[in-house]
Amino acid sequence: MSEQLPPGRPGPLPPVRPDRTPPIRDPAAIFIAAATLFAIFINPQNVGVILMLGVIALLLEIRLRRGD
């Protein structure tokens, strides 16, 4: 049988995340997404490879962003 927790206050709240721009509002992320969609439009035969490269570019941009 499953044990029930006694009623009471939950543990301490997690710390508030610092204010930072979400990736979708970053101009570089928007440019990478637009370039990926344009490349798919130009060459629809390689959609998998183009999407993979677009995702890698977005991850690198987020990872290497200055100020974090």
Protein backbone atom coordinates (compact mmCIF):
# COMPACT_ATOMS: atom_id res chain seq x y z
CA MET A 1 0.00 0.00 0.00
CA SER A 2 1.16 3.53 -0.63
CA GLU A 3 2.04 5.74 2.29
CA GLN A 4 0.34 9.10 2.58
CA LEU A 5 2.28 12.15 3.63
CA PRO A 6 1.00 13.90 6.74
CA PRO A 7 -0.75 17.20 6.07
CA GLY A 8 1.45 20.20 6.60
CA ARG A 9 3.55 22.76 4.86
CA PRO A 10 5.63 21.68 1.88
CA GLY A 11 9.38 22.16 1.93
CA PRO A 12 11.04 25.47 1.15
CA LEU A 13 10.23 27.04 -2.20
CA PRO A 14 12.89 26.86 -4.93
CA PRO A 15 14.85 30.06 -5.59
CA VAL A 16 13.40 32.47 -8.12
CA ARG A 17 15.03 32.25 -11.55
CA PRO A 18 16.94 35.36 -12.62
CA ASP A 19 15.31 37.53 -15.25
CA ARG A 20 16.73 36.68 -18.64
CA THR A 21 15.52 36.78 -22.21
CA PRO A 22 13.86 33.57 -23.38
CA PRO A 23 15.58 31.98 -26.40
CA ILE A 24 12.69 32.71 -28.77
CA ARG A 25 13.10 36.47 -28.29
CA ASP A 26 16.81 36.38 -29.00
CA PRO A 27 17.54 37.74 -32.51
CA ALA A 28 20.14 35.05 -33.20
CA ALA A 29 17.66 32.28 -32.37
CA ILE A 30 15.03 33.83 -34.62
CA PHE A 31 17.57 34.13 -37.45
CA ILE A 32 18.66 30.49 -37.06
CA ALA A 33 15.03 29.30 -37.07
CA ALA A 34 14.23 31.40 -40.16
CA ALA A 35 17.35 30.19 -41.99
CA THR A 36 16.43 26.58 -41.15
CA LEU A 37 12.90 26.99 -42.51
CA PHE A 38 14.24 28.72 -45.63
CA ALA A 39 16.73 25.89 -46.22
CA ILE A 40 13.89 23.35 -45.92
CA PHE A 41 11.86 25.37 -48.43
CA ILE A 42 14.78 25.47 -50.88
CA ASN A 43 15.75 21.79 -50.49
CA PRO A 44 12.88 19.64 -49.12
CA GLN A 45 14.74 16.37 -49.83
CA ASN A 46 17.11 16.83 -46.87
CA VAL A 47 14.61 17.89 -44.19
CA GLY A 48 16.08 15.60 -41.52
CA VAL A 49 19.64 16.83 -41.97
CA ILE A 50 18.56 20.48 -42.16
CA LEU A 51 16.46 20.20 -39.00
CA MET A 52 19.31 18.46 -37.18
CA LEU A 53 21.74 21.22 -38.15
CA GLY A 54 19.21 23.89 -37.14
CA VAL A 55 18.72 22.32 -33.72
CA ILE A 56 22.49 22.00 -33.23
CA ALA A 57 22.93 25.67 -34.19
CA LEU A 58 20.23 26.73 -31.72
CA LEU A 59 21.77 24.67 -28.93
CA LEU A 60 25.22 26.11 -29.62
CA GLU A 61 23.85 29.64 -29.71
CA ILE A 62 22.08 29.19 -26.39
CA ARG A 63 25.12 27.49 -24.83
CA LEU A 64 27.64 30.09 -26.04
CA ARG A 65 25.48 33.16 -25.44
CA ARG A 66 27.34 35.99 -23.76
CA GLY A 67 26.28 37.30 -20.39
CA ASP A 68 25.24 34.01 -18.79
